[in-house]
Amino acid sequence: MLGSFPPARKRWSMDFFYPNFFNDMWRIYGLCFFDDKDYFVDVERKAFRKELLEDFLTEKGVALYDTASAVIRTTGTAADKDLEVVTPTDLDALLRQMPECQAVVVTGQKAADVFTSHFQIVQPRVGAYTEFLFNGHPLRFYRMPSSSRAYPMKIERKAAFYLRMFQEIGLL
């Protein structure tokens, strides 16, 4: 699963991917896998349960990374539209490290743009996938809705897209 780039550190509730407490990624996972949007949430601390997330993701075989290792925030926000990619992630090297990878999932427009531009593949509509070959190995490329609350879609609808994708790739 590839995102674009984390928000400014002042917005982090943990030192892990999707750290902003107001980002819904871990609530989406909670809905999809446990029918409980607060499954990974420490409500009292207004944070996510990092250790629980790490154990769960490891058990499921979900890898997380960003499509860029250096960006410029043109306006100081975390919005994808305000990110200028300075150093894209070496996506080929990343995928070579995971020879059993079956699908790549991006979680926003910037990540989708970086990935499809690099691999010269057609970008699917939100919630859909396209197939491509990497080193002769077929992979699915999913374009999922952003988990940002700025993305205009209710969390339950976002979770429905993710649920279908998780079912299609065999995680559910």
N, C-alpha and C. Protein backbone atom coordinates (compact mmCIF):
# COMPACT_ATOMS: atom_id res chain seq x y z
N MET A 1 0.86 -1.16 0.00
CA MET A 1 0.00 0.00 0.00
C MET A 1 0.90 1.22 0.00
N LEU A 2 0.68 2.10 -0.98
CA LEU A 2 1.50 3.28 -1.13
C LEU A 2 0.68 4.55 -0.96
N GLY A 3 1.16 5.42 -0.09
CA GLY A 3 0.58 6.74 0.04
C GLY A 3 1.49 7.75 -0.63
N SER A 4 1.21 9.01 -0.43
CA SER A 4 2.04 10.03 -1.06
C SER A 4 3.20 10.42 -0.15
N PHE A 5 2.91 10.96 1.02
CA PHE A 5 3.93 11.43 1.94
C PHE A 5 3.22 11.79 3.24
N PRO A 6 3.88 11.58 4.39
CA PRO A 6 3.18 11.88 5.65
C PRO A 6 2.98 13.38 5.86
N PRO A 7 2.04 13.72 6.74
CA PRO A 7 1.83 15.13 7.07
C PRO A 7 3.00 15.65 7.92
N ALA A 8 2.97 16.93 8.20
CA ALA A 8 3.97 17.51 9.09
C ALA A 8 3.94 16.78 10.43
N ARG A 9 5.10 16.63 11.04
CA ARG A 9 5.22 15.85 12.27
C ARG A 9 4.28 16.35 13.38
N LYS A 10 3.98 17.62 13.42
CA LYS A 10 3.09 18.15 14.46
C LYS A 10 1.70 17.54 14.40
N ARG A 11 1.35 16.91 13.28
CA ARG A 11 0.03 16.29 13.12
C ARG A 11 0.04 14.79 13.44
N TRP A 12 1.17 14.26 13.85
CA TRP A 12 1.29 12.82 14.10
C TRP A 12 0.76 12.45 15.47
N SER A 13 0.03 11.34 15.52
CA SER A 13 -0.39 10.78 16.81
C SER A 13 0.43 9.53 17.13
N MET A 14 1.28 9.11 16.17
CA MET A 14 2.16 7.96 16.36
C MET A 14 3.26 8.04 15.30
N ASP A 15 4.31 7.29 15.51
CA ASP A 15 5.41 7.25 14.58
C ASP A 15 5.22 6.04 13.66
N PHE A 16 4.30 6.20 12.69
CA PHE A 16 3.96 5.10 11.78
C PHE A 16 3.20 5.71 10.62
N PHE A 17 2.84 4.91 9.67
CA PHE A 17 2.12 5.37 8.49
C PHE A 17 0.71 5.84 8.86
N TYR A 18 0.22 6.79 8.11
CA TYR A 18 -1.09 7.41 8.36
C TYR A 18 -1.21 7.82 9.83
N PRO A 19 -0.28 8.67 10.29
CA PRO A 19 -0.20 9.01 11.71
C PRO A 19 -1.18 10.07 12.19
N ASN A 20 -1.78 10.82 11.27
CA ASN A 20 -2.69 11.89 11.67
C ASN A 20 -3.97 11.27 12.24
N PHE A 21 -4.31 11.63 13.47
CA PHE A 21 -5.49 11.05 14.11
C PHE A 21 -6.77 11.35 13.33
N PHE A 22 -6.74 12.40 12.52
CA PHE A 22 -7.93 12.75 11.74
C PHE A 22 -7.92 12.15 10.34
N ASN A 23 -6.95 11.28 10.07
CA ASN A 23 -6.96 10.49 8.83
C ASN A 23 -7.71 9.20 9.15
N ASP A 24 -8.50 8.72 8.21
CA ASP A 24 -9.38 7.58 8.49
C ASP A 24 -8.85 6.22 8.06
N MET A 25 -7.57 6.12 7.62
CA MET A 25 -7.09 4.83 7.12
C MET A 25 -7.29 3.71 8.14
N TRP A 26 -6.89 3.93 9.38
CA TRP A 26 -6.97 2.83 10.35
C TRP A 26 -8.40 2.59 10.80
N ARG A 27 -9.27 3.58 10.67
CA ARG A 27 -10.69 3.36 10.92
C ARG A 27 -11.30 2.53 9.77
N ILE A 28 -10.84 2.78 8.55
CA ILE A 28 -11.29 1.99 7.40
C ILE A 28 -10.88 0.54 7.59
N TYR A 29 -9.64 0.31 7.99
CA TYR A 29 -9.20 -1.07 8.26
C TYR A 29 -10.06 -1.70 9.37
N GLY A 30 -10.34 -0.93 10.42
CA GLY A 30 -11.18 -1.45 11.50
C GLY A 30 -12.55 -1.86 11.00
N LEU A 31 -13.15 -1.02 10.16
CA LEU A 31 -14.46 -1.35 9.60
C LEU A 31 -14.39 -2.60 8.72
N CYS A 32 -13.38 -2.67 7.87
CA CYS A 32 -13.28 -3.79 6.92
C CYS A 32 -13.02 -5.13 7.60
N PHE A 33 -12.13 -5.15 8.55
CA PHE A 33 -11.70 -6.42 9.13
C PHE A 33 -12.42 -6.79 10.43
N PHE A 34 -12.95 -5.79 11.14
CA PHE A 34 -13.54 -6.07 12.46
C PHE A 34 -14.92 -5.45 12.65
N ASP A 35 -15.44 -4.80 11.59
CA ASP A 35 -16.73 -4.12 11.66
C ASP A 35 -16.78 -3.14 12.85
N ASP A 36 -15.63 -2.49 13.10
CA ASP A 36 -15.50 -1.57 14.23
C ASP A 36 -14.49 -0.49 13.85
N LYS A 37 -14.97 0.70 13.55
CA LYS A 37 -14.06 1.75 13.10
C LYS A 37 -13.07 2.17 14.18
N ASP A 38 -13.33 1.85 15.44
CA ASP A 38 -12.41 2.21 16.51
C ASP A 38 -11.51 1.06 16.96
N TYR A 39 -11.48 -0.02 16.20
CA TYR A 39 -10.70 -1.20 16.59
C TYR A 39 -9.23 -0.85 16.83
N PHE A 40 -8.65 -0.01 15.99
CA PHE A 40 -7.24 0.36 16.12
C PHE A 40 -7.05 1.72 16.80
N VAL A 41 -8.11 2.27 17.38
CA VAL A 41 -8.08 3.61 17.96
C VAL A 41 -7.99 3.53 19.48
N ASP A 42 -7.07 4.31 20.02
CA ASP A 42 -7.01 4.53 21.47
C ASP A 42 -7.76 5.84 21.70
N VAL A 43 -9.04 5.74 21.99
CA VAL A 43 -9.92 6.90 22.08
C VAL A 43 -9.44 7.87 23.15
N GLU A 44 -9.04 7.35 24.32
CA GLU A 44 -8.61 8.22 25.42
C GLU A 44 -7.40 9.07 25.04
N ARG A 45 -6.43 8.48 24.38
CA ARG A 45 -5.20 9.19 24.02
C ARG A 45 -5.30 9.92 22.69
N LYS A 46 -6.42 9.75 21.98
CA LYS A 46 -6.58 10.31 20.64
C LYS A 46 -5.38 9.92 19.77
N ALA A 47 -5.17 8.61 19.69
CA ALA A 47 -4.06 8.06 18.93
C ALA A 47 -4.47 6.69 18.41
N PHE A 48 -3.62 6.12 17.58
CA PHE A 48 -3.84 4.78 17.07
C PHE A 48 -2.97 3.80 17.85
N ARG A 49 -3.40 2.56 17.88
CA ARG A 49 -2.66 1.50 18.58
C ARG A 49 -1.61 0.92 17.64
N LYS A 50 -0.44 1.54 17.64
CA LYS A 50 0.62 1.20 16.70
C LYS A 50 1.01 -0.28 16.76
N GLU A 51 1.22 -0.81 17.95
CA GLU A 51 1.66 -2.20 18.08
C GLU A 51 0.61 -3.15 17.52
N LEU A 52 -0.65 -2.87 17.81
CA LEU A 52 -1.74 -3.69 17.29
C LEU A 52 -1.76 -3.62 15.76
N LEU A 53 -1.57 -2.43 15.22
CA LEU A 53 -1.52 -2.26 13.77
C LEU A 53 -0.36 -3.03 13.16
N GLU A 54 0.82 -2.90 13.74
CA GLU A 54 2.00 -3.59 13.20
C GLU A 54 1.80 -5.10 13.19
N ASP A 55 1.29 -5.64 14.29
CA ASP A 55 1.05 -7.08 14.36
C ASP A 55 0.03 -7.52 13.32
N PHE A 56 -1.06 -6.77 13.22
CA PHE A 56 -2.12 -7.09 12.27
C PHE A 56 -1.61 -7.05 10.83
N LEU A 57 -0.92 -5.97 10.47
CA LEU A 57 -0.42 -5.82 9.10
C LEU A 57 0.60 -6.89 8.75
N THR A 58 1.45 -7.24 9.70
CA THR A 58 2.43 -8.30 9.48
C THR A 58 1.72 -9.63 9.24
N GLU A 59 0.73 -9.92 10.07
CA GLU A 59 -0.03 -11.17 9.94
C GLU A 59 -0.72 -11.25 8.57
N LYS A 60 -1.26 -10.13 8.10
CA LYS A 60 -1.97 -10.10 6.83
C LYS A 60 -1.04 -10.00 5.62
N GLY A 61 0.22 -9.64 5.85
CA GLY A 61 1.16 -9.49 4.74
C GLY A 61 1.00 -8.18 4.00
N VAL A 62 0.62 -7.12 4.72
CA VAL A 62 0.43 -5.81 4.12
C VAL A 62 1.69 -4.98 4.36
N ALA A 63 2.27 -4.49 3.28
CA ALA A 63 3.44 -3.61 3.37
C ALA A 63 2.99 -2.18 3.09
N LEU A 64 3.62 -1.22 3.75
CA LEU A 64 3.28 0.19 3.60
C LEU A 64 4.52 0.98 3.24
N TYR A 65 4.34 1.98 2.37
CA TYR A 65 5.44 2.88 2.04
C TYR A 65 4.87 4.11 1.36
N ASP A 66 5.74 5.05 1.05
CA ASP A 66 5.35 6.28 0.37
C ASP A 66 5.89 6.29 -1.05
N THR A 67 5.23 6.99 -1.94
CA THR A 67 5.69 7.08 -3.33
C THR A 67 6.77 8.13 -3.51
N ALA A 68 7.07 8.88 -2.45
CA ALA A 68 8.14 9.88 -2.52
C ALA A 68 8.94 9.84 -1.23
N SER A 69 10.24 10.05 -1.35
CA SER A 69 11.09 10.10 -0.15
C SER A 69 11.48 11.54 0.19
N ALA A 70 11.23 12.46 -0.74
CA ALA A 70 11.45 13.88 -0.47
C ALA A 70 10.44 14.69 -1.26
N VAL A 71 9.79 15.61 -0.59
CA VAL A 71 8.80 16.49 -1.24
C VAL A 71 8.99 17.92 -0.76
N ILE A 72 8.41 18.83 -1.50
CA ILE A 72 8.28 20.21 -1.05
C ILE A 72 6.81 20.45 -0.83
N ARG A 73 6.49 20.96 0.35
CA ARG A 73 5.11 21.34 0.65
C ARG A 73 4.95 22.78 0.19
N THR A 74 4.32 22.97 -0.94
CA THR A 74 4.27 24.30 -1.56
C THR A 74 3.46 25.31 -0.77
N THR A 75 2.52 24.84 0.05
CA THR A 75 1.71 25.77 0.86
C THR A 75 1.75 25.42 2.35
N GLY A 76 2.51 24.42 2.73
CA GLY A 76 2.58 24.03 4.13
C GLY A 76 1.50 23.07 4.58
N THR A 77 0.61 22.67 3.66
CA THR A 77 -0.44 21.71 4.03
C THR A 77 0.00 20.29 3.65
N ALA A 78 -0.75 19.31 4.07
CA ALA A 78 -0.46 17.92 3.72
C ALA A 78 -1.23 17.48 2.48
N ALA A 79 -2.01 18.39 1.90
CA ALA A 79 -2.82 18.04 0.74
C ALA A 79 -1.93 17.61 -0.43
N ASP A 80 -2.34 16.54 -1.10
CA ASP A 80 -1.58 16.04 -2.25
C ASP A 80 -1.36 17.13 -3.30
N LYS A 81 -2.36 17.95 -3.51
CA LYS A 81 -2.24 18.98 -4.55
C LYS A 81 -1.15 20.00 -4.22
N ASP A 82 -0.75 20.06 -2.95
CA ASP A 82 0.27 21.00 -2.52
C ASP A 82 1.63 20.34 -2.33
N LEU A 83 1.81 19.11 -2.80
CA LEU A 83 3.08 18.40 -2.71
C LEU A 83 3.78 18.40 -4.06
N GLU A 84 5.02 18.80 -4.05
CA GLU A 84 5.87 18.69 -5.24
C GLU A 84 6.88 17.59 -4.95
N VAL A 85 6.86 16.52 -5.73
CA VAL A 85 7.76 15.41 -5.50
C VAL A 85 9.17 15.80 -5.95
N VAL A 86 10.11 15.76 -5.02
CA VAL A 86 11.51 16.05 -5.32
C VAL A 86 12.25 14.76 -5.63
N THR A 87 12.04 13.75 -4.77
CA THR A 87 12.69 12.45 -4.95
C THR A 87 11.63 11.37 -4.87
N PRO A 88 11.26 10.80 -6.02
CA PRO A 88 10.30 9.69 -5.96
C PRO A 88 10.97 8.44 -5.38
N THR A 89 10.17 7.60 -4.78
CA THR A 89 10.66 6.32 -4.27
C THR A 89 11.10 5.47 -5.46
N ASP A 90 12.13 4.67 -5.26
CA ASP A 90 12.57 3.72 -6.28
C ASP A 90 11.58 2.55 -6.26
N LEU A 91 10.53 2.69 -7.03
CA LEU A 91 9.44 1.71 -7.01
C LEU A 91 9.88 0.34 -7.52
N ASP A 92 10.80 0.32 -8.47
CA ASP A 92 11.31 -0.97 -8.96
C ASP A 92 12.03 -1.72 -7.84
N ALA A 93 12.90 -1.02 -7.13
CA ALA A 93 13.63 -1.65 -6.02
C ALA A 93 12.66 -2.11 -4.94
N LEU A 94 11.67 -1.30 -4.68
CA LEU A 94 10.67 -1.64 -3.66
C LEU A 94 9.95 -2.95 -4.03
N LEU A 95 9.50 -3.05 -5.26
CA LEU A 95 8.78 -4.26 -5.69
C LEU A 95 9.71 -5.47 -5.78
N ARG A 96 10.97 -5.26 -6.14
CA ARG A 96 11.91 -6.40 -6.18
C ARG A 96 12.11 -7.00 -4.80
N GLN A 97 11.93 -6.20 -3.74
CA GLN A 97 12.07 -6.70 -2.36
C GLN A 97 10.89 -7.58 -1.94
N MET A 98 9.82 -7.55 -2.74
CA MET A 98 8.60 -8.29 -2.38
C MET A 98 8.17 -9.18 -3.54
N PRO A 99 8.91 -10.25 -3.80
CA PRO A 99 8.60 -11.08 -4.97
C PRO A 99 7.24 -11.77 -4.91
N GLU A 100 6.64 -11.86 -3.73
CA GLU A 100 5.33 -12.49 -3.62
C GLU A 100 4.18 -11.48 -3.67
N CYS A 101 4.50 -10.22 -3.91
CA CYS A 101 3.48 -9.18 -3.98
C CYS A 101 2.48 -9.49 -5.10
N GLN A 102 1.20 -9.38 -4.79
CA GLN A 102 0.14 -9.66 -5.76
C GLN A 102 -0.57 -8.39 -6.24
N ALA A 103 -0.54 -7.36 -5.39
CA ALA A 103 -1.27 -6.14 -5.73
C ALA A 103 -0.58 -4.93 -5.09
N VAL A 104 -0.67 -3.82 -5.79
CA VAL A 104 -0.21 -2.54 -5.27
C VAL A 104 -1.44 -1.66 -5.15
N VAL A 105 -1.57 -1.03 -4.00
CA VAL A 105 -2.73 -0.18 -3.71
C VAL A 105 -2.21 1.22 -3.43
N VAL A 106 -2.76 2.21 -4.11
CA VAL A 106 -2.43 3.60 -3.77
C VAL A 106 -3.66 4.24 -3.15
N THR A 107 -3.37 5.20 -2.26
CA THR A 107 -4.44 5.74 -1.44
C THR A 107 -4.72 7.21 -1.69
N GLY A 108 -4.32 7.70 -2.83
CA GLY A 108 -4.61 9.10 -3.14
C GLY A 108 -4.15 9.43 -4.55
N GLN A 109 -4.52 10.61 -5.00
CA GLN A 109 -4.23 11.02 -6.37
C GLN A 109 -2.75 11.18 -6.65
N LYS A 110 -2.01 11.81 -5.75
CA LYS A 110 -0.57 12.02 -5.97
C LYS A 110 0.14 10.68 -6.07
N ALA A 111 -0.16 9.76 -5.18
CA ALA A 111 0.46 8.44 -5.22
C ALA A 111 0.10 7.72 -6.52
N ALA A 112 -1.15 7.85 -6.95
CA ALA A 112 -1.57 7.23 -8.22
C ALA A 112 -0.82 7.84 -9.39
N ASP A 113 -0.67 9.15 -9.39
CA ASP A 113 0.05 9.82 -10.48
C ASP A 113 1.50 9.39 -10.55
N VAL A 114 2.16 9.33 -9.40
CA VAL A 114 3.57 8.93 -9.36
C VAL A 114 3.72 7.50 -9.86
N PHE A 115 2.88 6.60 -9.36
CA PHE A 115 2.99 5.18 -9.72
C PHE A 115 2.69 4.94 -11.20
N THR A 116 1.59 5.48 -11.69
CA THR A 116 1.22 5.22 -13.09
C THR A 116 2.20 5.88 -14.05
N SER A 117 2.74 7.03 -13.69
CA SER A 117 3.74 7.68 -14.54
C SER A 117 5.01 6.83 -14.61
N HIS A 118 5.43 6.31 -13.47
CA HIS A 118 6.65 5.50 -13.43
C HIS A 118 6.51 4.23 -14.27
N PHE A 119 5.39 3.54 -14.11
CA PHE A 119 5.22 2.26 -14.80
C PHE A 119 4.52 2.39 -16.16
N GLN A 120 4.18 3.63 -16.53
CA GLN A 120 3.55 3.86 -17.83
C GLN A 120 2.30 3.00 -18.00
N ILE A 121 1.44 3.03 -16.99
CA ILE A 121 0.20 2.27 -17.04
C ILE A 121 -0.98 3.22 -16.91
N VAL A 122 -2.13 2.74 -17.36
CA VAL A 122 -3.36 3.52 -17.29
C VAL A 122 -3.85 3.55 -15.86
N GLN A 123 -4.26 4.73 -15.42
CA GLN A 123 -4.78 4.88 -14.07
C GLN A 123 -6.25 4.45 -14.03
N PRO A 124 -6.58 3.48 -13.19
CA PRO A 124 -7.99 3.07 -13.09
C PRO A 124 -8.80 4.12 -12.33
N ARG A 125 -10.11 4.02 -12.46
CA ARG A 125 -10.97 4.92 -11.69
C ARG A 125 -10.87 4.54 -10.21
N VAL A 126 -11.29 5.42 -9.35
CA VAL A 126 -11.25 5.18 -7.91
C VAL A 126 -12.05 3.92 -7.59
N GLY A 127 -11.44 3.02 -6.84
CA GLY A 127 -12.09 1.78 -6.42
C GLY A 127 -11.86 0.62 -7.38
N ALA A 128 -11.15 0.87 -8.47
CA ALA A 128 -10.93 -0.17 -9.48
C ALA A 128 -9.43 -0.49 -9.58
N TYR A 129 -9.12 -1.46 -10.44
CA TYR A 129 -7.73 -1.82 -10.65
C TYR A 129 -7.44 -2.03 -12.13
N THR A 130 -6.17 -2.00 -12.44
CA THR A 130 -5.68 -2.37 -13.75
C THR A 130 -4.56 -3.38 -13.53
N GLU A 131 -4.32 -4.21 -14.51
CA GLU A 131 -3.24 -5.19 -14.37
C GLU A 131 -2.03 -4.72 -15.15
N PHE A 132 -0.85 -5.07 -14.64
CA PHE A 132 0.39 -4.74 -15.34
C PHE A 132 1.44 -5.81 -14.99
N LEU A 133 2.49 -5.84 -15.77
CA LEU A 133 3.57 -6.79 -15.53
C LEU A 133 4.76 -6.06 -14.92
N PHE A 134 5.35 -6.67 -13.92
CA PHE A 134 6.61 -6.19 -13.36
C PHE A 134 7.58 -7.35 -13.36
N ASN A 135 8.65 -7.22 -14.11
CA ASN A 135 9.64 -8.30 -14.25
C ASN A 135 8.97 -9.62 -14.65
N GLY A 136 7.99 -9.53 -15.54
CA GLY A 136 7.29 -10.71 -16.02
C GLY A 136 6.24 -11.26 -15.07
N HIS A 137 6.06 -10.61 -13.95
CA HIS A 137 5.13 -11.06 -12.91
C HIS A 137 3.86 -10.18 -12.97
N PRO A 138 2.67 -10.79 -13.13
CA PRO A 138 1.44 -9.98 -13.18
C PRO A 138 1.08 -9.42 -11.80
N LEU A 139 0.73 -8.14 -11.78
CA LEU A 139 0.29 -7.46 -10.57
C LEU A 139 -0.98 -6.69 -10.85
N ARG A 140 -1.76 -6.50 -9.81
CA ARG A 140 -2.91 -5.60 -9.90
C ARG A 140 -2.51 -4.26 -9.29
N PHE A 141 -2.98 -3.19 -9.93
CA PHE A 141 -2.76 -1.85 -9.40
C PHE A 141 -4.12 -1.25 -9.07
N TYR A 142 -4.38 -1.06 -7.77
CA TYR A 142 -5.65 -0.51 -7.29
C TYR A 142 -5.51 0.97 -6.98
N ARG A 143 -6.49 1.76 -7.41
CA ARG A 143 -6.57 3.19 -7.06
C ARG A 143 -7.73 3.34 -6.10
N MET A 144 -7.42 3.52 -4.82
CA MET A 144 -8.45 3.60 -3.78
C MET A 144 -8.73 5.04 -3.40
N PRO A 145 -9.88 5.29 -2.78
CA PRO A 145 -10.17 6.65 -2.32
C PRO A 145 -9.19 7.06 -1.22
N SER A 146 -8.89 8.32 -1.18
CA SER A 146 -8.04 8.85 -0.12
C SER A 146 -8.70 8.65 1.23
N SER A 147 -7.88 8.37 2.22
CA SER A 147 -8.40 8.23 3.59
C SER A 147 -8.45 9.56 4.32
N SER A 148 -8.02 10.62 3.65
CA SER A 148 -8.08 11.95 4.24
C SER A 148 -9.54 12.38 4.39
N ARG A 149 -9.83 13.06 5.47
CA ARG A 149 -11.20 13.56 5.66
C ARG A 149 -11.50 14.71 4.71
N ALA A 150 -10.46 15.25 4.07
CA ALA A 150 -10.68 16.30 3.07
C ALA A 150 -11.27 15.70 1.79
N TYR A 151 -11.10 14.39 1.60
CA TYR A 151 -11.66 13.72 0.42
C TYR A 151 -13.16 13.59 0.64
N PRO A 152 -13.97 14.10 -0.27
CA PRO A 152 -15.42 14.21 -0.04
C PRO A 152 -16.20 12.90 -0.19
N MET A 153 -16.01 12.00 0.76
CA MET A 153 -16.73 10.73 0.74
C MET A 153 -16.84 10.25 2.19
N LYS A 154 -18.00 9.74 2.56
CA LYS A 154 -18.19 9.24 3.92
C LYS A 154 -17.31 8.02 4.15
N ILE A 155 -16.88 7.85 5.39
CA ILE A 155 -15.98 6.76 5.73
C ILE A 155 -16.57 5.39 5.39
N GLU A 156 -17.87 5.22 5.57
CA GLU A 156 -18.50 3.93 5.28
C GLU A 156 -18.41 3.61 3.78
N ARG A 157 -18.54 4.62 2.95
CA ARG A 157 -18.43 4.41 1.50
C ARG A 157 -16.99 4.11 1.12
N LYS A 158 -16.04 4.83 1.71
CA LYS A 158 -14.63 4.53 1.46
C LYS A 158 -14.33 3.09 1.87
N ALA A 159 -14.80 2.72 3.05
CA ALA A 159 -14.55 1.36 3.56
C ALA A 159 -15.13 0.31 2.62
N ALA A 160 -16.25 0.59 1.98
CA ALA A 160 -16.84 -0.37 1.05
C ALA A 160 -15.91 -0.63 -0.14
N PHE A 161 -15.26 0.41 -0.63
CA PHE A 161 -14.28 0.24 -1.71
C PHE A 161 -13.11 -0.63 -1.25
N TYR A 162 -12.59 -0.32 -0.06
CA TYR A 162 -11.46 -1.08 0.47
C TYR A 162 -11.87 -2.53 0.76
N LEU A 163 -13.06 -2.72 1.29
CA LEU A 163 -13.55 -4.06 1.60
C LEU A 163 -13.56 -4.93 0.34
N ARG A 164 -14.11 -4.38 -0.74
CA ARG A 164 -14.15 -5.14 -2.00
C ARG A 164 -12.74 -5.48 -2.47
N MET A 165 -11.81 -4.52 -2.38
CA MET A 165 -10.44 -4.77 -2.80
C MET A 165 -9.80 -5.84 -1.92
N PHE A 166 -9.97 -5.76 -0.60
CA PHE A 166 -9.41 -6.76 0.30
C PHE A 166 -9.98 -8.14 -0.02
N GLN A 167 -11.25 -8.21 -0.36
CA GLN A 167 -11.85 -9.49 -0.73
C GLN A 167 -11.25 -10.00 -2.05
N GLU A 168 -11.09 -9.14 -3.02
CA GLU A 168 -10.56 -9.54 -4.33
C GLU A 168 -9.12 -10.05 -4.24
N ILE A 169 -8.32 -9.48 -3.33
CA ILE A 169 -6.92 -9.94 -3.24
C ILE A 169 -6.74 -11.04 -2.20
N GLY A 170 -7.84 -11.45 -1.57
CA GLY A 170 -7.79 -12.60 -0.68
C GLY A 170 -7.39 -12.32 0.76
N LEU A 171 -7.47 -11.07 1.18
CA LEU A 171 -7.15 -10.77 2.59
C LEU A 171 -8.37 -10.93 3.49
N LEU A 172 -9.55 -10.99 2.90
CA LEU A 172 -10.78 -11.21 3.65
C LEU A 172 -11.51 -12.42 3.09
